[in-house]
PDB file of N, CA and C in Angstrom:
ATOM      1  N   MET A   1      12.614 -27.271 -31.185  1.00  0.00           N
ATOM      2  CA  MET A   1      13.942 -27.771 -30.979  1.00  0.00           C
ATOM      3  C   MET A   1      14.197 -27.867 -29.482  1.00  0.00           C
ATOM      4  N   LEU A   2      14.776 -28.974 -29.033  1.00  0.00           N
ATOM      5  CA  LEU A   2      15.103 -29.143 -27.621  1.00  0.00           C
ATOM      6  C   LEU A   2      16.394 -28.416 -27.301  1.00  0.00           C
ATOM      7  N   LYS A   3      16.429 -27.763 -26.206  1.00  0.00           N
ATOM      8  CA  LYS A   3      17.650 -27.141 -25.730  1.00  0.00           C
ATOM      9  C   LYS A   3      18.063 -27.869 -24.465  1.00  0.00           C
ATOM     10  N   ARG A   4      19.330 -28.058 -24.269  1.00  0.00           N
ATOM     11  CA  ARG A   4      19.822 -28.776 -23.101  1.00  0.00           C
ATOM     12  C   ARG A   4      19.337 -28.117 -21.819  1.00  0.00           C
ATOM     13  N   GLY A   5      18.780 -28.952 -20.927  1.00  0.00           N
ATOM     14  CA  GLY A   5      18.342 -28.455 -19.637  1.00  0.00           C
ATOM     15  C   GLY A   5      17.117 -27.553 -19.682  1.00  0.00           C
ATOM     16  N   ARG A   6      16.459 -27.474 -20.801  1.00  0.00           N
ATOM     17  CA  ARG A   6      15.328 -26.571 -20.942  1.00  0.00           C
ATOM     18  C   ARG A   6      14.036 -27.327 -21.252  1.00  0.00           C
ATOM     19  N   LEU A   7      13.994 -28.612 -20.949  1.00  0.00           N
ATOM     20  CA  LEU A   7      12.835 -29.437 -21.283  1.00  0.00           C
ATOM     21  C   LEU A   7      11.558 -28.880 -20.667  1.00  0.00           C
ATOM     22  N   TYR A   8      11.584 -28.606 -19.376  1.00  0.00           N
ATOM     23  CA  TYR A   8      10.376 -28.122 -18.709  1.00  0.00           C
ATOM     24  C   TYR A   8       9.944 -26.784 -19.292  1.00  0.00           C
ATOM     25  N   ALA A   9      10.902 -25.855 -19.448  1.00  0.00           N
ATOM     26  CA  ALA A   9      10.567 -24.521 -19.964  1.00  0.00           C
ATOM     27  C   ALA A   9      10.007 -24.618 -21.377  1.00  0.00           C
ATOM     28  N   ALA A  10      10.606 -25.465 -22.218  1.00  0.00           N
ATOM     29  CA  ALA A  10      10.120 -25.622 -23.592  1.00  0.00           C
ATOM     30  C   ALA A  10       8.721 -26.211 -23.593  1.00  0.00           C
ATOM     31  N   SER A  11       8.493 -27.226 -22.755  1.00  0.00           N
ATOM     32  CA  SER A  11       7.170 -27.846 -22.680  1.00  0.00           C
ATOM     33  C   SER A  11       6.133 -26.836 -22.196  1.00  0.00           C
ATOM     34  N   LEU A  12       6.494 -26.062 -21.201  1.00  0.00           N
ATOM     35  CA  LEU A  12       5.583 -25.055 -20.666  1.00  0.00           C
ATOM     36  C   LEU A  12       5.268 -24.003 -21.724  1.00  0.00           C
ATOM     37  N   ALA A  13       6.269 -23.586 -22.501  1.00  0.00           N
ATOM     38  CA  ALA A  13       6.047 -22.591 -23.546  1.00  0.00           C
ATOM     39  C   ALA A  13       5.088 -23.122 -24.605  1.00  0.00           C
ATOM     40  N   VAL A  14       5.253 -24.376 -24.988  1.00  0.00           N
ATOM     41  CA  VAL A  14       4.363 -24.977 -25.978  1.00  0.00           C
ATOM     42  C   VAL A  14       2.942 -25.046 -25.436  1.00  0.00           C
ATOM     43  N   LEU A  15       2.802 -25.492 -24.193  1.00  0.00           N
ATOM     44  CA  LEU A  15       1.476 -25.600 -23.599  1.00  0.00           C
ATOM     45  C   LEU A  15       0.832 -24.226 -23.435  1.00  0.00           C
ATOM     46  N   THR A  16       1.622 -23.238 -23.045  1.00  0.00           N
ATOM     47  CA  THR A  16       1.096 -21.887 -22.877  1.00  0.00           C
ATOM     48  C   THR A  16       0.618 -21.340 -24.212  1.00  0.00           C
ATOM     49  N   SER A  17       1.413 -21.558 -25.271  1.00  0.00           N
ATOM     50  CA  SER A  17       1.002 -21.061 -26.587  1.00  0.00           C
ATOM     51  C   SER A  17      -0.232 -21.789 -27.100  1.00  0.00           C
ATOM     52  N   ALA A  18      -0.471 -22.991 -26.582  1.00  0.00           N
ATOM     53  CA  ALA A  18      -1.661 -23.751 -26.975  1.00  0.00           C
ATOM     54  C   ALA A  18      -2.878 -23.376 -26.129  1.00  0.00           C
ATOM     55  N   GLY A  19      -2.688 -22.441 -25.184  1.00  0.00           N
ATOM     56  CA  GLY A  19      -3.809 -21.978 -24.389  1.00  0.00           C
ATOM     57  C   GLY A  19      -3.983 -22.688 -23.061  1.00  0.00           C
ATOM     58  N   VAL A  20      -3.031 -23.525 -22.682  1.00  0.00           N
ATOM     59  CA  VAL A  20      -3.108 -24.198 -21.386  1.00  0.00           C
ATOM     60  C   VAL A  20      -2.591 -23.222 -20.336  1.00  0.00           C
ATOM     61  N   ALA A  21      -3.412 -22.921 -19.348  1.00  0.00           N
ATOM     62  CA  ALA A  21      -3.079 -21.874 -18.386  1.00  0.00           C
ATOM     63  C   ALA A  21      -2.020 -22.286 -17.375  1.00  0.00           C
ATOM     64  N   GLY A  22      -2.010 -23.513 -16.950  1.00  0.00           N
ATOM     65  CA  GLY A  22      -1.046 -23.928 -15.946  1.00  0.00           C
ATOM     66  C   GLY A  22      -1.039 -25.428 -15.787  1.00  0.00           C
ATOM     67  N   ILE A  23      -0.024 -25.929 -15.136  1.00  0.00           N
ATOM     68  CA  ILE A  23       0.121 -27.363 -14.925  1.00  0.00           C
ATOM     69  C   ILE A  23       0.330 -27.599 -13.441  1.00  0.00           C
ATOM     70  N   VAL A  24      -0.355 -28.576 -12.905  1.00  0.00           N
ATOM     71  CA  VAL A  24      -0.175 -28.946 -11.513  1.00  0.00           C
ATOM     72  C   VAL A  24       0.332 -30.389 -11.478  1.00  0.00           C
ATOM     73  N   PHE A  25       1.485 -30.597 -10.852  1.00  0.00           N
ATOM     74  CA  PHE A  25       2.004 -31.940 -10.676  1.00  0.00           C
ATOM     75  C   PHE A  25       1.628 -32.412  -9.283  1.00  0.00           C
ATOM     76  N   ALA A  26       1.009 -33.565  -9.202  1.00  0.00           N
ATOM     77  CA  ALA A  26       0.640 -34.128  -7.904  1.00  0.00           C
ATOM     78  C   ALA A  26       1.426 -35.415  -7.686  1.00  0.00           C
ATOM     79  N   GLN A  27       1.992 -35.566  -6.516  1.00  0.00           N
ATOM     80  CA  GLN A  27       2.726 -36.783  -6.181  1.00  0.00           C
ATOM     81  C   GLN A  27       1.724 -37.790  -5.641  1.00  0.00           C
ATOM     82  N   THR A  28       1.668 -38.945  -6.262  1.00  0.00           N
ATOM     83  CA  THR A  28       0.762 -39.990  -5.833  1.00  0.00           C
ATOM     84  C   THR A  28       1.553 -41.250  -5.547  1.00  0.00           C
ATOM     85  N   THR A  29       0.901 -42.229  -4.986  1.00  0.00           N
ATOM     86  CA  THR A  29       1.535 -43.529  -4.785  1.00  0.00           C
ATOM     87  C   THR A  29       0.651 -44.593  -5.418  1.00  0.00           C
ATOM     88  N   ASN A  30       1.280 -45.689  -5.835  1.00  0.00           N
ATOM     89  CA  ASN A  30       0.507 -46.789  -6.412  1.00  0.00           C
ATOM     90  C   ASN A  30       0.177 -47.803  -5.323  1.00  0.00           C
ATOM     91  N   GLU A  31      -0.410 -48.927  -5.703  1.00  0.00           N
ATOM     92  CA  GLU A  31      -0.840 -49.927  -4.729  1.00  0.00           C
ATOM     93  C   GLU A  31       0.304 -50.470  -3.884  1.00  0.00           C
ATOM     94  N   GLN A  32       1.529 -50.496  -4.451  1.00  0.00           N
ATOM     95  CA  GLN A  32       2.688 -51.006  -3.711  1.00  0.00           C
ATOM     96  C   GLN A  32       3.323 -49.929  -2.829  1.00  0.00           C
ATOM     97  N   GLY A  33       2.795 -48.726  -2.873  1.00  0.00           N
ATOM     98  CA  GLY A  33       3.332 -47.643  -2.051  1.00  0.00           C
ATOM     99  C   GLY A  33       4.482 -46.902  -2.711  1.00  0.00           C
ATOM    100  N   SER A  34       4.846 -47.253  -3.940  1.00  0.00           N
ATOM    101  CA  SER A  34       5.911 -46.542  -4.634  1.00  0.00           C
ATOM    102  C   SER A  34       5.319 -45.388  -5.428  1.00  0.00           C
ATOM    103  N   LYS A  35       6.179 -44.448  -5.810  1.00  0.00           N
ATOM    104  CA  LYS A  35       5.713 -43.237  -6.481  1.00  0.00           C
ATOM    105  C   LYS A  35       5.928 -43.350  -7.988  1.00  0.00           C
ATOM    106  N   PRO A  36       4.825 -43.323  -8.755  1.00  0.00           N
ATOM    107  CA  PRO A  36       4.951 -43.358 -10.214  1.00  0.00           C
ATOM    108  C   PRO A  36       5.366 -41.993 -10.743  1.00  0.00           C
ATOM    109  N   GLY A  37       5.826 -41.961 -11.962  1.00  0.00           N
ATOM    110  CA  GLY A  37       6.205 -40.695 -12.564  1.00  0.00           C
ATOM    111  C   GLY A  37       6.821 -40.895 -13.923  1.00  0.00           C
ATOM    112  N   VAL A  38       7.596 -39.910 -14.327  1.00  0.00           N
ATOM    113  CA  VAL A  38       8.255 -39.926 -15.624  1.00  0.00           C
ATOM    114  C   VAL A  38       9.734 -39.639 -15.407  1.00  0.00           C
ATOM    115  N   VAL A  39      10.560 -40.387 -16.113  1.00  0.00           N
ATOM    116  CA  VAL A  39      11.988 -40.115 -16.152  1.00  0.00           C
ATOM    117  C   VAL A  39      12.319 -39.791 -17.607  1.00  0.00           C
ATOM    118  N   ALA A  40      12.628 -38.527 -17.866  1.00  0.00           N
ATOM    119  CA  ALA A  40      12.983 -38.091 -19.210  1.00  0.00           C
ATOM    120  C   ALA A  40      14.504 -38.051 -19.302  1.00  0.00           C
ATOM    121  N   VAL A  41      15.044 -38.704 -20.313  1.00  0.00           N
ATOM    122  CA  VAL A  41      16.493 -38.781 -20.480  1.00  0.00           C
ATOM    123  C   VAL A  41      16.853 -38.173 -21.829  1.00  0.00           C
ATOM    124  N   GLN A  42      17.674 -37.118 -21.799  1.00  0.00           N
ATOM    125  CA  GLN A  42      18.166 -36.488 -23.015  1.00  0.00           C
ATOM    126  C   GLN A  42      19.594 -36.952 -23.256  1.00  0.00           C
ATOM    127  N   VAL A  43      19.867 -37.402 -24.475  1.00  0.00           N
ATOM    128  CA  VAL A  43      21.221 -37.823 -24.834  1.00  0.00           C
ATOM    129  C   VAL A  43      21.566 -37.295 -26.218  1.00  0.00           C
ATOM    130  N   THR A  44      22.856 -37.135 -26.430  1.00  0.00           N
ATOM    131  CA  THR A  44      23.385 -36.867 -27.754  1.00  0.00           C
ATOM    132  C   THR A  44      24.070 -38.148 -28.183  1.00  0.00           C
ATOM    133  N   VAL A  45      23.784 -38.608 -29.398  1.00  0.00           N
ATOM    134  CA  VAL A  45      24.366 -39.860 -29.886  1.00  0.00           C
ATOM    135  C   VAL A  45      25.198 -39.579 -31.135  1.00  0.00           C
ATOM    136  N   LYS A  46      26.206 -40.427 -31.351  1.00  0.00           N
ATOM    137  CA  LYS A  46      27.037 -40.281 -32.559  1.00  0.00           C
ATOM    138  C   LYS A  46      26.189 -40.510 -33.799  1.00  0.00           C
ATOM    139  N   SER A  47      25.349 -41.537 -33.736  1.00  0.00           N
ATOM    140  CA  SER A  47      24.512 -41.894 -34.877  1.00  0.00           C
ATOM    141  C   SER A  47      23.217 -42.521 -34.360  1.00  0.00           C
ATOM    142  N   TYR A  48      22.097 -41.907 -34.703  1.00  0.00           N
ATOM    143  CA  TYR A  48      20.811 -42.454 -34.284  1.00  0.00           C
ATOM    144  C   TYR A  48      20.641 -43.883 -34.803  1.00  0.00           C
ATOM    145  N   ASP A  49      21.073 -44.128 -36.041  1.00  0.00           N
ATOM    146  CA  ASP A  49      20.934 -45.456 -36.637  1.00  0.00           C
ATOM    147  C   ASP A  49      21.739 -46.517 -35.887  1.00  0.00           C
ATOM    148  N   GLN A  50      22.825 -46.133 -35.262  1.00  0.00           N
ATOM    149  CA  GLN A  50      23.602 -47.050 -34.419  1.00  0.00           C
ATOM    150  C   GLN A  50      22.938 -47.192 -33.044  1.00  0.00           C
ATOM    151  N   TRP A  51      22.442 -46.094 -32.505  1.00  0.00           N
ATOM    152  CA  TRP A  51      21.890 -46.060 -31.155  1.00  0.00           C
ATOM    153  C   TRP A  51      20.587 -46.839 -31.034  1.00  0.00           C
ATOM    154  N   ARG A  52      19.677 -46.671 -31.993  1.00  0.00           N
ATOM    155  CA  ARG A  52      18.316 -47.203 -31.835  1.00  0.00           C
ATOM    156  C   ARG A  52      18.249 -48.716 -31.639  1.00  0.00           C
ATOM    157  N   PRO A  53      18.952 -49.541 -32.418  1.00  0.00           N
ATOM    158  CA  PRO A  53      18.845 -50.990 -32.188  1.00  0.00           C
ATOM    159  C   PRO A  53      19.343 -51.409 -30.802  1.00  0.00           C
ATOM    160  N   ILE A  54      20.362 -50.740 -30.305  1.00  0.00           N
ATOM    161  CA  ILE A  54      20.877 -51.075 -28.968  1.00  0.00           C
ATOM    162  C   ILE A  54      19.872 -50.634 -27.912  1.00  0.00           C
ATOM    163  N   PHE A  55      19.253 -49.475 -28.104  1.00  0.00           N
ATOM    164  CA  PHE A  55      18.190 -49.035 -27.203  1.00  0.00           C
ATOM    165  C   PHE A  55      17.065 -50.074 -27.175  1.00  0.00           C
ATOM    166  N   ASP A  56      16.652 -50.541 -28.342  1.00  0.00           N
ATOM    167  CA  ASP A  56      15.567 -51.529 -28.408  1.00  0.00           C
ATOM    168  C   ASP A  56      15.941 -52.826 -27.703  1.00  0.00           C
ATOM    169  N   ARG A  57      17.186 -53.277 -27.850  1.00  0.00           N
ATOM    170  CA  ARG A  57      17.628 -54.515 -27.183  1.00  0.00           C
ATOM    171  C   ARG A  57      17.731 -54.355 -25.667  1.00  0.00           C
ATOM    172  N   ALA A  58      17.809 -53.120 -25.183  1.00  0.00           N
ATOM    173  CA  ALA A  58      17.942 -52.864 -23.741  1.00  0.00           C
ATOM    174  C   ALA A  58      16.595 -52.854 -23.022  1.00  0.00           C
ATOM    175  N   LYS A  59      15.532 -53.291 -23.659  1.00  0.00           N
ATOM    176  CA  LYS A  59      14.213 -53.305 -23.014  1.00  0.00           C
ATOM    177  C   LYS A  59      14.218 -54.063 -21.690  1.00  0.00           C
ATOM    178  N   PRO A  60      14.919 -55.220 -21.568  1.00  0.00           N
ATOM    179  CA  PRO A  60      14.956 -55.892 -20.258  1.00  0.00           C
ATOM    180  C   PRO A  60      15.519 -54.999 -19.145  1.00  0.00           C
ATOM    181  N   LEU A  61      16.450 -54.118 -19.479  1.00  0.00           N
ATOM    182  CA  LEU A  61      16.984 -53.197 -18.472  1.00  0.00           C
ATOM    183  C   LEU A  61      15.917 -52.178 -18.069  1.00  0.00           C
ATOM    184  N   ARG A  62      15.135 -51.716 -19.039  1.00  0.00           N
ATOM    185  CA  ARG A  62      14.042 -50.786 -18.711  1.00  0.00           C
ATOM    186  C   ARG A  62      12.976 -51.491 -17.881  1.00  0.00           C
ATOM    187  N   ASP A  63      12.695 -52.743 -18.215  1.00  0.00           N
ATOM    188  CA  ASP A  63      11.723 -53.517 -17.423  1.00  0.00           C
ATOM    189  C   ASP A  63      12.201 -53.649 -15.974  1.00  0.00           C
ATOM    190  N   LYS A  64      13.485 -53.947 -15.800  1.00  0.00           N
ATOM    191  CA  LYS A  64      14.073 -54.087 -14.458  1.00  0.00           C
ATOM    192  C   LYS A  64      13.963 -52.782 -13.669  1.00  0.00           C
ATOM    193  N   ALA A  65      14.000 -51.657 -14.377  1.00  0.00           N
ATOM    194  CA  ALA A  65      13.912 -50.337 -13.737  1.00  0.00           C
ATOM    195  C   ALA A  65      12.472 -49.915 -13.466  1.00  0.00           C
ATOM    196  N   GLY A  66      11.510 -50.762 -13.833  1.00  0.00           N
ATOM    197  CA  GLY A  66      10.110 -50.422 -13.603  1.00  0.00           C
ATOM    198  C   GLY A  66       9.535 -49.493 -14.655  1.00  0.00           C
ATOM    199  N   ILE A  67      10.224 -49.367 -15.796  1.00  0.00           N
ATOM    200  CA  ILE A  67       9.731 -48.534 -16.883  1.00  0.00           C
ATOM    201  C   ILE A  67       8.571 -49.272 -17.549  1.00  0.00           C
ATOM    202  N   THR A  68       7.425 -48.622 -17.617  1.00  0.00           N
ATOM    203  CA  THR A  68       6.237 -49.269 -18.177  1.00  0.00           C
ATOM    204  C   THR A  68       5.976 -48.843 -19.617  1.00  0.00           C
ATOM    205  N   ASN A  69       6.530 -47.712 -20.027  1.00  0.00           N
ATOM    206  CA  ASN A  69       6.317 -47.222 -21.381  1.00  0.00           C
ATOM    207  C   ASN A  69       7.446 -46.252 -21.718  1.00  0.00           C
ATOM    208  N   SER A  70       8.055 -46.408 -22.883  1.00  0.00           N
ATOM    209  CA  SER A  70       9.101 -45.491 -23.343  1.00  0.00           C
ATOM    210  C   SER A  70       8.734 -44.957 -24.714  1.00  0.00           C
ATOM    211  N   ARG A  71       8.952 -43.665 -24.886  1.00  0.00           N
ATOM    212  CA  ARG A  71       8.752 -43.042 -26.193  1.00  0.00           C
ATOM    213  C   ARG A  71      10.034 -42.286 -26.538  1.00  0.00           C
ATOM    214  N   VAL A  72      10.425 -42.362 -27.802  1.00  0.00           N
ATOM    215  CA  VAL A  72      11.655 -41.735 -28.259  1.00  0.00           C
ATOM    216  C   VAL A  72      11.308 -40.568 -29.181  1.00  0.00           C
ATOM    217  N   TYR A  73      11.923 -39.422 -28.909  1.00  0.00           N
ATOM    218  CA  TYR A  73      11.747 -38.226 -29.721  1.00  0.00           C
ATOM    219  C   TYR A  73      13.115 -37.744 -30.185  1.00  0.00           C
ATOM    220  N   ARG A  74      13.151 -37.154 -31.394  1.00  0.00           N
ATOM    221  CA  ARG A  74      14.398 -36.618 -31.932  1.00  0.00           C
ATOM    222  C   ARG A  74      14.233 -35.137 -32.228  1.00  0.00           C
ATOM    223  N   ASP A  75      15.290 -34.396 -32.009  1.00  0.00           N
ATOM    224  CA  ASP A  75      15.309 -32.972 -32.297  1.00  0.00           C
ATOM    225  C   ASP A  75      15.236 -32.775 -33.814  1.00  0.00           C
ATOM    226  N   THR A  76      14.395 -31.865 -34.267  1.00  0.00           N
ATOM    227  CA  THR A  76      14.251 -31.649 -35.709  1.00  0.00           C
ATOM    228  C   THR A  76      15.496 -31.004 -36.320  1.00  0.00           C
ATOM    229  N   ALA A  77      16.213 -30.215 -35.553  1.00  0.00           N
ATOM    230  CA  ALA A  77      17.405 -29.544 -36.072  1.00  0.00           C
ATOM    231  C   ALA A  77      18.646 -30.435 -36.010  1.00  0.00           C
ATOM    232  N   ASN A  78      18.673 -31.383 -35.075  1.00  0.00           N
ATOM    233  CA  ASN A  78      19.819 -32.281 -34.920  1.00  0.00           C
ATOM    234  C   ASN A  78      19.274 -33.661 -34.583  1.00  0.00           C
ATOM    235  N   GLN A  79      19.212 -34.523 -35.561  1.00  0.00           N
ATOM    236  CA  GLN A  79      18.604 -35.851 -35.395  1.00  0.00           C
ATOM    237  C   GLN A  79      19.363 -36.739 -34.418  1.00  0.00           C
ATOM    238  N   ASN A  80      20.548 -36.335 -33.986  1.00  0.00           N
ATOM    239  CA  ASN A  80      21.309 -37.105 -33.008  1.00  0.00           C
ATOM    240  C   ASN A  80      21.089 -36.612 -31.575  1.00  0.00           C
ATOM    241  N   GLU A  81      20.202 -35.638 -31.404  1.00  0.00           N
ATOM    242  CA  GLU A  81      19.737 -35.225 -30.071  1.00  0.00           C
ATOM    243  C   GLU A  81      18.452 -35.997 -29.810  1.00  0.00           C
ATOM    244  N   VAL A  82      18.459 -36.810 -28.762  1.00  0.00           N
ATOM    245  CA  VAL A  82      17.355 -37.731 -28.510  1.00  0.00           C
ATOM    246  C   VAL A  82      16.793 -37.493 -27.110  1.00  0.00           C
ATOM    247  N   LEU A  83      15.475 -37.551 -27.007  1.00  0.00           N
ATOM    248  CA  LEU A  83      14.784 -37.497 -25.724  1.00  0.00           C
ATOM    249  C   LEU A  83      14.014 -38.801 -25.569  1.00  0.00           C
ATOM    250  N   VAL A  84      14.267 -39.518 -24.481  1.00  0.00           N
ATOM    251  CA  VAL A  84      13.521 -40.742 -24.181  1.00  0.00           C
ATOM    252  C   VAL A  84      12.623 -40.434 -22.995  1.00  0.00           C
ATOM    253  N   TRP A  85      11.316 -40.514 -23.214  1.00  0.00           N
ATOM    254  CA  TRP A  85      10.294 -40.212 -22.211  1.00  0.00           C
ATOM    255  C   TRP A  85       9.842 -41.538 -21.632  1.00  0.00           C
ATOM    256  N   ASN A  86      10.223 -41.821 -20.385  1.00  0.00           N
ATOM    257  CA  ASN A  86       9.956 -43.108 -19.737  1.00  0.00           C
ATOM    258  C   ASN A  86       8.912 -42.967 -18.637  1.00  0.00           C
ATOM    259  N   GLU A  87       7.798 -43.652 -18.778  1.00  0.00           N
ATOM    260  CA  GLU A  87       6.824 -43.708 -17.699  1.00  0.00           C
ATOM    261  C   GLU A  87       7.238 -44.855 -16.786  1.00  0.00           C
ATOM    262  N   THR A  88       7.136 -44.634 -15.486  1.00  0.00           N
ATOM    263  CA  THR A  88       7.573 -45.644 -14.539  1.00  0.00           C
ATOM    264  C   THR A  88       6.567 -45.804 -13.410  1.00  0.00           C
ATOM    265  N   SER A  89       6.505 -47.004 -12.894  1.00  0.00           N
ATOM    266  CA  SER A  89       5.635 -47.274 -11.754  1.00  0.00           C
ATOM    267  C   SER A  89       6.333 -46.919 -10.442  1.00  0.00           C
ATOM    268  N   ASP A  90       7.660 -46.685 -10.495  1.00  0.00           N
ATOM    269  CA  ASP A  90       8.431 -46.426  -9.285  1.00  0.00           C
ATOM    270  C   ASP A  90       9.631 -45.540  -9.631  1.00  0.00           C
ATOM    271  N   VAL A  91       9.510 -44.244  -9.385  1.00  0.00           N
ATOM    272  CA  VAL A  91      10.557 -43.295  -9.734  1.00  0.00           C
ATOM    273  C   VAL A  91      11.879 -43.629  -9.045  1.00  0.00           C
ATOM    274  N   ALA A  92      11.852 -43.977  -7.784  1.00  0.00           N
ATOM    275  CA  ALA A  92      13.087 -44.266  -7.053  1.00  0.00           C
ATOM    276  C   ALA A  92      13.824 -45.456  -7.668  1.00  0.00           C
ATOM    277  N   LYS A  93      13.080 -46.499  -8.004  1.00  0.00           N
ATOM    278  CA  LYS A  93      13.672 -47.687  -8.631  1.00  0.00           C
ATOM    279  C   LYS A  93      14.261 -47.337  -9.995  1.00  0.00           C
ATOM    280  N   ALA A  94      13.531 -46.573 -10.779  1.00  0.00           N
ATOM    281  CA  ALA A  94      14.015 -46.173 -12.103  1.00  0.00           C
ATOM    282  C   ALA A  94      15.285 -45.348 -11.988  1.00  0.00           C
ATOM    283  N   ARG A  95      15.294 -44.394 -11.076  1.00  0.00           N
ATOM    284  CA  ARG A  95      16.474 -43.545 -10.879  1.00  0.00           C
ATOM    285  C   ARG A  95      17.689 -44.386 -10.500  1.00  0.00           C
ATOM    286  N   GLU A  96      17.491 -45.346  -9.613  1.00  0.00           N
ATOM    287  CA  GLU A  96      18.582 -46.222  -9.166  1.00  0.00           C
ATOM    288  C   GLU A  96      19.132 -47.057 -10.331  1.00  0.00           C
ATOM    289  N   GLU A  97      18.246 -47.655 -11.111  1.00  0.00           N
ATOM    290  CA  GLU A  97      18.685 -48.507 -12.221  1.00  0.00           C
ATOM    291  C   GLU A  97      19.342 -47.695 -13.336  1.00  0.00           C
ATOM    292  N   ILE A  98      18.810 -46.514 -13.632  1.00  0.00           N
ATOM    293  CA  ILE A  98      19.389 -45.674 -14.685  1.00  0.00           C
ATOM    294  C   ILE A  98      20.804 -45.256 -14.318  1.00  0.00           C
ATOM    295  N   SER A  99      21.076 -45.125 -13.042  1.00  0.00           N
ATOM    296  CA  SER A  99      22.404 -44.741 -12.584  1.00  0.00           C
ATOM    297  C   SER A  99      23.356 -45.932 -12.492  1.00  0.00           C
ATOM    298  N   GLY A 100      22.848 -47.131 -12.723  1.00  0.00           N
ATOM    299  CA  GLY A 100      23.648 -48.339 -12.562  1.00  0.00           C
ATOM    300  C   GLY A 100      24.580 -48.626 -13.731  1.00  0.00           C
ATOM    301  N   PRO A 101      25.484 -49.587 -13.529  1.00  0.00           N
ATOM    302  CA  PRO A 101      26.488 -49.893 -14.549  1.00  0.00           C
ATOM    303  C   PRO A 101      25.922 -50.506 -15.830  1.00  0.00           C
ATOM    304  N   GLU A 102      24.834 -51.276 -15.746  1.00  0.00           N
ATOM    305  CA  GLU A 102      24.299 -51.915 -16.950  1.00  0.00           C
ATOM    306  C   GLU A 102      23.828 -50.879 -17.971  1.00  0.00           C
ATOM    307  N   ILE A 103      23.129 -49.877 -17.503  1.00  0.00           N
ATOM    308  CA  ILE A 103      22.656 -48.823 -18.397  1.00  0.00           C
ATOM    309  C   ILE A 103      23.854 -48.040 -18.945  1.00  0.00           C
ATOM    310  N   GLY A 104      24.839 -47.785 -18.101  1.00  0.00           N
ATOM    311  CA  GLY A 104      26.043 -47.071 -18.542  1.00  0.00           C
ATOM    312  C   GLY A 104      26.768 -47.805 -19.663  1.00  0.00           C
ATOM    313  N   ILE A 105      26.875 -49.128 -19.536  1.00  0.00           N
ATOM    314  CA  ILE A 105      27.526 -49.937 -20.569  1.00  0.00           C
ATOM    315  C   ILE A 105      26.724 -49.871 -21.872  1.00  0.00           C
ATOM    316  N   ALA A 106      25.405 -50.003 -21.760  1.00  0.00           N
ATOM    317  CA  ALA A 106      24.550 -49.931 -22.955  1.00  0.00           C
ATOM    318  C   ALA A 106      24.681 -48.560 -23.635  1.00  0.00           C
ATOM    319  N   MET A 107      24.775 -47.491 -22.837  1.00  0.00           N
ATOM    320  CA  MET A 107      24.928 -46.153 -23.412  1.00  0.00           C
ATOM    321  C   MET A 107      26.253 -46.027 -24.154  1.00  0.00           C
ATOM    322  N   GLN A 108      27.323 -46.571 -23.562  1.00  0.00           N
ATOM    323  CA  GLN A 108      28.623 -46.530 -24.233  1.00  0.00           C
ATOM    324  C   GLN A 108      28.586 -47.289 -25.550  1.00  0.00           C
ATOM    325  N   GLU A 109      28.029 -48.502 -25.518  1.00  0.00           N
ATOM    326  CA  GLU A 109      27.968 -49.340 -26.720  1.00  0.00           C
ATOM    327  C   GLU A 109      27.139 -48.684 -27.821  1.00  0.00           C
ATOM    328  N   SER A 110      26.115 -47.946 -27.437  1.00  0.00           N
ATOM    329  CA  SER A 110      25.208 -47.355 -28.424  1.00  0.00           C
ATOM    330  C   SER A 110      25.722 -46.049 -29.007  1.00  0.00           C
ATOM    331  N   GLY A 111      26.812 -45.511 -28.456  1.00  0.00           N
ATOM    332  CA  GLY A 111      27.381 -44.290 -29.004  1.00  0.00           C
ATOM    333  C   GLY A 111      26.867 -43.016 -28.389  1.00  0.00           C
ATOM    334  N   VAL A 112      26.415 -43.074 -27.135  1.00  0.00           N
ATOM    335  CA  VAL A 112      25.999 -41.853 -26.441  1.00  0.00           C
ATOM    336  C   VAL A 112      27.244 -41.002 -26.192  1.00  0.00           C
ATOM    337  N   VAL A 113      27.142 -39.724 -26.531  1.00  0.00           N
ATOM    338  CA  VAL A 113      28.248 -38.788 -26.392  1.00  0.00           C
ATOM    339  C   VAL A 113      27.999 -37.949 -25.139  1.00  0.00           C
ATOM    340  N   GLY A 114      28.915 -38.001 -24.192  1.00  0.00           N
ATOM    341  CA  GLY A 114      28.771 -37.204 -22.978  1.00  0.00           C
ATOM    342  C   GLY A 114      27.750 -37.797 -22.032  1.00  0.00           C
ATOM    343  N   PRO A 115      27.598 -37.158 -20.884  1.00  0.00           N
ATOM    344  CA  PRO A 115      26.653 -37.687 -19.891  1.00  0.00           C
ATOM    345  C   PRO A 115      25.199 -37.419 -20.286  1.00  0.00           C
ATOM    346  N   PRO A 116      24.304 -38.329 -19.891  1.00  0.00           N
ATOM    347  CA  PRO A 116      22.878 -38.085 -20.154  1.00  0.00           C
ATOM    348  C   PRO A 116      22.370 -36.974 -19.245  1.00  0.00           C
ATOM    349  N   ARG A 117      21.336 -36.304 -19.697  1.00  0.00           N
ATOM    350  CA  ARG A 117      20.659 -35.291 -18.874  1.00  0.00           C
ATOM    351  C   ARG A 117      19.344 -35.922 -18.448  1.00  0.00           C
ATOM    352  N   ILE A 118      19.188 -36.133 -17.145  1.00  0.00           N
ATOM    353  CA  ILE A 118      18.050 -36.873 -16.618  1.00  0.00           C
ATOM    354  C   ILE A 118      17.128 -35.914 -15.868  1.00  0.00           C
ATOM    355  N   HIS A 119      15.852 -35.984 -16.210  1.00  0.00           N
ATOM    356  CA  HIS A 119      14.830 -35.143 -15.585  1.00  0.00           C
ATOM    357  C   HIS A 119      13.778 -36.075 -14.984  1.00  0.00           C
ATOM    358  N   VAL A 120      13.546 -35.967 -13.680  1.00  0.00           N
ATOM    359  CA  VAL A 120      12.546 -36.796 -13.013  1.00  0.00           C
ATOM    360  C   VAL A 120      11.335 -35.916 -12.725  1.00  0.00           C
ATOM    361  N   LEU A 121      10.189 -36.361 -13.242  1.00  0.00           N
ATOM    362  CA  LEU A 121       8.945 -35.610 -13.073  1.00  0.00           C
ATOM    363  C   LEU A 121       7.959 -36.461 -12.284  1.00  0.00           C
ATOM    364  N   PRO A 122       7.371 -35.887 -11.243  1.00  0.00           N
ATOM    365  CA  PRO A 122       6.425 -36.673 -10.440  1.00  0.00           C
ATOM    366  C   PRO A 122       5.135 -36.934 -11.212  1.00  0.00           C
TER     367      PRO A 122
END
């Protein structure tokens, strides 16, 4: 079960229990000189069934943010707790676009409750 603000700790606990001794994050740059990484966004939605089609239609916004791959996960105890794991070619660009008005409007329309919890991982 995901707990708010505990994504890293939960992931580390799972990896530790699986026998992984430690994790090293290295900051790299791609050919364009930008820094790739992951932007994990946790949201609570009124209804997953309402949220998902709007999320799918927002792919052009993710493309504009440099998101190269998105995966959606749901909390087993509360199906309206959603984690979107976004791989990006440019963390700074993704962070800027996610904070922009277009994404905010899409979140409102899709029924996101409260502010998103955003985690940027190098």
